Amino acid sequence: MYFDLEELKPYLAIPFDSSLEEDIVRVEAGEADAYTEVGLRFFAAEHHEQAFHWFEIAAQKGHVDAMDWLATCYLEGLGAPVDRAAAMEWLGRAARAGHILAQEKIEAL
């Protein structure tokens, strides 16, 4: 690992448990779904700027759920300024990759 998790625990804005530790190890291995999982933890804790950061990395790595979450952040101004064009871009990418919820959101918009 690049950092000592024990030293970081007091500074984390989200609860630290063994599954978060596993996700961080998977992040270090470059697994896109792990970035999304960490982003979801921050999102649930209403730390939207941090969640946006993790979703953006995962989306750029091709993770379709992260693309959908990133679009939600852009649509609702959570962690980033409202940007409908960026939201539609990410929803479109997710929809083209077969993400059903993204396809439904595009139809609804």
N, C-alpha and C. Protein backbone atom coordinates (compact mmCIF):
# COMPACT_ATOMS: atom_id res chain seq x y z
N MET A 1 0.83 -1.19 0.00
CA MET A 1 0.00 0.00 0.00
C MET A 1 0.87 1.24 0.00
N TYR A 2 0.29 2.30 -0.54
CA TYR A 2 1.01 3.57 -0.62
C TYR A 2 0.93 4.37 0.67
N PHE A 3 -0.01 4.04 1.53
CA PHE A 3 -0.19 4.78 2.76
C PHE A 3 -0.62 3.83 3.86
N ASP A 4 -0.47 4.27 5.10
CA ASP A 4 -0.83 3.46 6.25
C ASP A 4 -2.29 3.74 6.60
N LEU A 5 -3.15 2.77 6.41
CA LEU A 5 -4.57 2.96 6.67
C LEU A 5 -4.85 3.30 8.12
N GLU A 6 -4.10 2.75 9.03
CA GLU A 6 -4.31 3.04 10.45
C GLU A 6 -4.10 4.52 10.73
N GLU A 7 -3.14 5.14 10.07
CA GLU A 7 -2.88 6.57 10.26
C GLU A 7 -4.00 7.42 9.67
N LEU A 8 -4.66 6.92 8.63
CA LEU A 8 -5.72 7.68 7.95
C LEU A 8 -7.07 7.61 8.65
N LYS A 9 -7.34 6.57 9.40
CA LYS A 9 -8.66 6.36 9.99
C LYS A 9 -9.24 7.59 10.68
N PRO A 10 -8.49 8.30 11.50
CA PRO A 10 -9.09 9.46 12.19
C PRO A 10 -9.50 10.59 11.24
N TYR A 11 -9.00 10.58 10.03
CA TYR A 11 -9.27 11.67 9.09
C TYR A 11 -10.34 11.35 8.06
N LEU A 12 -10.84 10.14 8.07
CA LEU A 12 -11.83 9.75 7.08
C LEU A 12 -13.20 10.33 7.41
N ALA A 13 -13.89 10.77 6.38
CA ALA A 13 -15.22 11.35 6.54
C ALA A 13 -16.31 10.28 6.49
N ILE A 14 -15.91 9.04 6.33
CA ILE A 14 -16.85 7.92 6.28
C ILE A 14 -16.36 6.84 7.22
N PRO A 15 -17.28 6.01 7.70
CA PRO A 15 -16.86 4.93 8.61
C PRO A 15 -15.87 3.97 7.95
N PHE A 16 -14.88 3.62 8.69
CA PHE A 16 -13.86 2.69 8.19
C PHE A 16 -14.17 1.31 8.73
N ASP A 17 -14.30 0.36 7.83
CA ASP A 17 -14.52 -1.03 8.22
C ASP A 17 -13.73 -1.93 7.27
N SER A 18 -13.84 -3.22 7.49
CA SER A 18 -13.03 -4.14 6.68
C SER A 18 -13.40 -4.10 5.20
N SER A 19 -14.67 -3.86 4.88
CA SER A 19 -15.05 -3.81 3.46
C SER A 19 -14.50 -2.55 2.79
N LEU A 20 -14.44 -1.44 3.52
CA LEU A 20 -13.81 -0.24 2.96
C LEU A 20 -12.32 -0.49 2.74
N GLU A 21 -11.69 -1.15 3.68
CA GLU A 21 -10.28 -1.48 3.52
C GLU A 21 -10.08 -2.35 2.28
N GLU A 22 -10.96 -3.32 2.07
CA GLU A 22 -10.87 -4.17 0.88
C GLU A 22 -11.04 -3.34 -0.39
N ASP A 23 -12.00 -2.40 -0.37
CA ASP A 23 -12.22 -1.54 -1.54
C ASP A 23 -10.99 -0.68 -1.82
N ILE A 24 -10.35 -0.19 -0.79
CA ILE A 24 -9.16 0.65 -0.98
C ILE A 24 -8.03 -0.19 -1.58
N VAL A 25 -7.89 -1.41 -1.14
CA VAL A 25 -6.88 -2.30 -1.72
C VAL A 25 -7.19 -2.53 -3.20
N ARG A 26 -8.48 -2.71 -3.52
CA ARG A 26 -8.88 -2.91 -4.91
C ARG A 26 -8.68 -1.64 -5.73
N VAL A 27 -8.87 -0.47 -5.11
CA VAL A 27 -8.60 0.80 -5.79
C VAL A 27 -7.13 0.85 -6.18
N GLU A 28 -6.27 0.48 -5.26
CA GLU A 28 -4.84 0.49 -5.55
C GLU A 28 -4.48 -0.45 -6.69
N ALA A 29 -5.32 -1.47 -6.90
CA ALA A 29 -5.10 -2.39 -8.02
C ALA A 29 -5.73 -1.85 -9.30
N GLY A 30 -6.41 -0.70 -9.21
CA GLY A 30 -6.99 -0.06 -10.38
C GLY A 30 -8.37 -0.55 -10.78
N GLU A 31 -9.07 -1.25 -9.89
CA GLU A 31 -10.38 -1.80 -10.21
C GLU A 31 -11.45 -0.72 -10.19
N ALA A 32 -12.08 -0.48 -11.33
CA ALA A 32 -13.05 0.60 -11.47
C ALA A 32 -14.24 0.44 -10.53
N ASP A 33 -14.70 -0.80 -10.33
CA ASP A 33 -15.86 -0.98 -9.45
C ASP A 33 -15.54 -0.61 -8.01
N ALA A 34 -14.29 -0.74 -7.61
CA ALA A 34 -13.89 -0.34 -6.26
C ALA A 34 -13.97 1.18 -6.10
N TYR A 35 -13.58 1.92 -7.14
CA TYR A 35 -13.71 3.38 -7.10
C TYR A 35 -15.18 3.76 -6.92
N THR A 36 -16.05 3.06 -7.63
CA THR A 36 -17.49 3.34 -7.52
C THR A 36 -17.98 3.04 -6.12
N GLU A 37 -17.56 1.92 -5.55
CA GLU A 37 -17.99 1.56 -4.19
C GLU A 37 -17.56 2.61 -3.17
N VAL A 38 -16.33 3.10 -3.28
CA VAL A 38 -15.86 4.14 -2.36
C VAL A 38 -16.68 5.41 -2.58
N GLY A 39 -16.95 5.75 -3.84
CA GLY A 39 -17.77 6.91 -4.15
C GLY A 39 -19.16 6.80 -3.53
N LEU A 40 -19.75 5.62 -3.59
CA LEU A 40 -21.07 5.42 -3.00
C LEU A 40 -21.06 5.62 -1.50
N ARG A 41 -19.98 5.24 -0.86
CA ARG A 41 -19.86 5.46 0.60
C ARG A 41 -19.85 6.95 0.92
N PHE A 42 -19.07 7.70 0.14
CA PHE A 42 -19.05 9.15 0.35
C PHE A 42 -20.40 9.77 0.03
N PHE A 43 -21.04 9.31 -1.04
CA PHE A 43 -22.35 9.84 -1.43
C PHE A 43 -23.37 9.60 -0.33
N ALA A 44 -23.40 8.40 0.22
CA ALA A 44 -24.34 8.07 1.30
C ALA A 44 -24.11 8.93 2.53
N ALA A 45 -22.87 9.31 2.76
CA ALA A 45 -22.53 10.17 3.91
C ALA A 45 -22.70 11.65 3.57
N GLU A 46 -23.23 11.92 2.38
CA GLU A 46 -23.47 13.29 1.89
C GLU A 46 -22.19 14.11 1.74
N HIS A 47 -21.10 13.44 1.43
CA HIS A 47 -19.84 14.09 1.08
C HIS A 47 -19.74 14.03 -0.44
N HIS A 48 -20.56 14.86 -1.08
CA HIS A 48 -20.76 14.76 -2.52
C HIS A 48 -19.53 15.12 -3.34
N GLU A 49 -18.73 16.07 -2.88
CA GLU A 49 -17.52 16.42 -3.64
C GLU A 49 -16.57 15.24 -3.71
N GLN A 50 -16.41 14.55 -2.60
CA GLN A 50 -15.54 13.38 -2.60
C GLN A 50 -16.14 12.27 -3.45
N ALA A 51 -17.46 12.08 -3.34
CA ALA A 51 -18.12 11.05 -4.14
C ALA A 51 -17.95 11.33 -5.62
N PHE A 52 -18.13 12.59 -6.01
CA PHE A 52 -17.98 12.98 -7.41
C PHE A 52 -16.58 12.59 -7.92
N HIS A 53 -15.57 12.88 -7.13
CA HIS A 53 -14.19 12.55 -7.50
C HIS A 53 -14.04 11.06 -7.80
N TRP A 54 -14.54 10.21 -6.91
CA TRP A 54 -14.41 8.77 -7.07
C TRP A 54 -15.23 8.27 -8.26
N PHE A 55 -16.45 8.82 -8.43
CA PHE A 55 -17.27 8.44 -9.58
C PHE A 55 -16.60 8.83 -10.89
N GLU A 56 -15.98 10.00 -10.90
CA GLU A 56 -15.34 10.48 -12.13
C GLU A 56 -14.21 9.55 -12.56
N ILE A 57 -13.41 9.12 -11.61
CA ILE A 57 -12.31 8.20 -11.94
C ILE A 57 -12.87 6.89 -12.48
N ALA A 58 -13.87 6.34 -11.78
CA ALA A 58 -14.45 5.07 -12.21
C ALA A 58 -15.11 5.19 -13.58
N ALA A 59 -15.81 6.30 -13.81
CA ALA A 59 -16.47 6.52 -15.11
C ALA A 59 -15.43 6.60 -16.22
N GLN A 60 -14.33 7.28 -15.97
CA GLN A 60 -13.28 7.38 -16.98
C GLN A 60 -12.64 6.03 -17.26
N LYS A 61 -12.74 5.12 -16.28
CA LYS A 61 -12.23 3.77 -16.46
C LYS A 61 -13.26 2.86 -17.13
N GLY A 62 -14.45 3.42 -17.45
CA GLY A 62 -15.45 2.67 -18.16
C GLY A 62 -16.53 2.01 -17.32
N HIS A 63 -16.60 2.31 -16.04
CA HIS A 63 -17.60 1.69 -15.16
C HIS A 63 -18.96 2.36 -15.37
N VAL A 64 -19.93 1.62 -15.89
CA VAL A 64 -21.21 2.22 -16.28
C VAL A 64 -22.04 2.72 -15.11
N ASP A 65 -22.00 2.05 -13.96
CA ASP A 65 -22.73 2.56 -12.80
C ASP A 65 -22.15 3.91 -12.38
N ALA A 66 -20.84 4.03 -12.41
CA ALA A 66 -20.21 5.30 -12.07
C ALA A 66 -20.61 6.39 -13.05
N MET A 67 -20.74 6.04 -14.33
CA MET A 67 -21.19 7.02 -15.32
C MET A 67 -22.57 7.56 -14.95
N ASP A 68 -23.46 6.65 -14.56
CA ASP A 68 -24.80 7.05 -14.15
C ASP A 68 -24.76 7.93 -12.91
N TRP A 69 -23.97 7.56 -11.92
CA TRP A 69 -23.86 8.37 -10.70
C TRP A 69 -23.24 9.73 -11.01
N LEU A 70 -22.26 9.76 -11.87
CA LEU A 70 -21.62 11.02 -12.25
C LEU A 70 -22.65 11.93 -12.92
N ALA A 71 -23.47 11.36 -13.78
CA ALA A 71 -24.54 12.13 -14.42
C ALA A 71 -25.51 12.69 -13.38
N THR A 72 -25.85 11.89 -12.39
CA THR A 72 -26.73 12.35 -11.32
C THR A 72 -26.11 13.54 -10.59
N CYS A 73 -24.82 13.44 -10.31
CA CYS A 73 -24.14 14.55 -9.64
C CYS A 73 -24.22 15.83 -10.48
N TYR A 74 -23.99 15.70 -11.77
CA TYR A 74 -24.08 16.86 -12.66
C TYR A 74 -25.50 17.41 -12.75
N LEU A 75 -26.48 16.52 -12.82
CA LEU A 75 -27.88 16.97 -12.94
C LEU A 75 -28.36 17.69 -11.70
N GLU A 76 -27.93 17.22 -10.54
CA GLU A 76 -28.43 17.75 -9.28
C GLU A 76 -27.47 18.71 -8.60
N GLY A 77 -26.31 18.94 -9.19
CA GLY A 77 -25.33 19.84 -8.57
C GLY A 77 -24.77 19.29 -7.27
N LEU A 78 -24.53 18.00 -7.25
CA LEU A 78 -23.99 17.35 -6.05
C LEU A 78 -22.51 17.08 -6.24
N GLY A 79 -21.69 17.90 -5.62
CA GLY A 79 -20.24 17.74 -5.73
C GLY A 79 -19.63 18.44 -6.91
N ALA A 80 -20.46 18.99 -7.77
CA ALA A 80 -20.01 19.73 -8.96
C ALA A 80 -21.15 20.68 -9.35
N PRO A 81 -20.82 21.73 -10.09
CA PRO A 81 -21.90 22.61 -10.55
C PRO A 81 -22.86 21.87 -11.49
N VAL A 82 -24.11 22.29 -11.50
CA VAL A 82 -25.07 21.70 -12.43
C VAL A 82 -24.55 21.90 -13.84
N ASP A 83 -24.55 20.81 -14.60
CA ASP A 83 -24.07 20.84 -15.98
C ASP A 83 -24.85 19.78 -16.75
N ARG A 84 -25.97 20.22 -17.36
CA ARG A 84 -26.84 19.28 -18.07
C ARG A 84 -26.12 18.63 -19.25
N ALA A 85 -25.26 19.38 -19.93
CA ALA A 85 -24.54 18.81 -21.08
C ALA A 85 -23.64 17.67 -20.62
N ALA A 86 -22.90 17.88 -19.55
CA ALA A 86 -22.02 16.81 -19.04
C ALA A 86 -22.86 15.64 -18.54
N ALA A 87 -23.98 15.93 -17.91
CA ALA A 87 -24.85 14.86 -17.42
C ALA A 87 -25.35 14.01 -18.58
N MET A 88 -25.78 14.66 -19.65
CA MET A 88 -26.28 13.92 -20.81
C MET A 88 -25.17 13.13 -21.49
N GLU A 89 -23.97 13.70 -21.50
CA GLU A 89 -22.83 12.97 -22.08
C GLU A 89 -22.60 11.66 -21.32
N TRP A 90 -22.56 11.73 -19.98
CA TRP A 90 -22.30 10.53 -19.19
C TRP A 90 -23.47 9.57 -19.22
N LEU A 91 -24.71 10.10 -19.21
CA LEU A 91 -25.87 9.22 -19.34
C LEU A 91 -25.84 8.50 -20.69
N GLY A 92 -25.48 9.24 -21.73
CA GLY A 92 -25.40 8.64 -23.06
C GLY A 92 -24.36 7.53 -23.12
N ARG A 93 -23.22 7.77 -22.53
CA ARG A 93 -22.18 6.73 -22.52
C ARG A 93 -22.67 5.49 -21.78
N ALA A 94 -23.30 5.71 -20.62
CA ALA A 94 -23.80 4.58 -19.84
C ALA A 94 -24.90 3.84 -20.60
N ALA A 95 -25.80 4.60 -21.22
CA ALA A 95 -26.90 3.99 -21.97
C ALA A 95 -26.38 3.17 -23.14
N ARG A 96 -25.40 3.71 -23.87
CA ARG A 96 -24.83 2.98 -25.00
C ARG A 96 -24.13 1.70 -24.54
N ALA A 97 -23.67 1.70 -23.29
CA ALA A 97 -23.02 0.51 -22.73
C ALA A 97 -24.04 -0.48 -22.16
N GLY A 98 -25.34 -0.15 -22.29
CA GLY A 98 -26.38 -1.07 -21.85
C GLY A 98 -26.93 -0.82 -20.46
N HIS A 99 -26.61 0.30 -19.83
CA HIS A 99 -27.10 0.60 -18.48
C HIS A 99 -28.58 0.99 -18.56
N ILE A 100 -29.44 0.12 -18.06
CA ILE A 100 -30.90 0.28 -18.18
C ILE A 100 -31.38 1.57 -17.51
N LEU A 101 -30.93 1.85 -16.31
CA LEU A 101 -31.37 3.04 -15.60
C LEU A 101 -30.99 4.31 -16.36
N ALA A 102 -29.80 4.33 -16.93
CA ALA A 102 -29.38 5.49 -17.73
C ALA A 102 -30.27 5.65 -18.96
N GLN A 103 -30.62 4.54 -19.57
CA GLN A 103 -31.52 4.58 -20.74
C GLN A 103 -32.88 5.16 -20.33
N GLU A 104 -33.39 4.75 -19.17
CA GLU A 104 -34.68 5.25 -18.69
C GLU A 104 -34.60 6.73 -18.35
N LYS A 105 -33.49 7.16 -17.77
CA LYS A 105 -33.32 8.58 -17.44
C LYS A 105 -33.31 9.44 -18.69
N ILE A 106 -32.63 8.97 -19.74
CA ILE A 106 -32.59 9.71 -20.99
C ILE A 106 -33.99 9.84 -21.56
N GLU A 107 -34.76 8.77 -21.55
CA GLU A 107 -36.13 8.82 -22.03
C GLU A 107 -36.97 9.80 -21.23
N ALA A 108 -36.76 9.83 -19.92
CA ALA A 108 -37.53 10.72 -19.04
C ALA A 108 -37.15 12.18 -19.24
N LEU A 109 -35.89 12.43 -19.59
CA LEU A 109 -35.44 13.81 -19.80
C LEU A 109 -35.87 14.29 -21.17
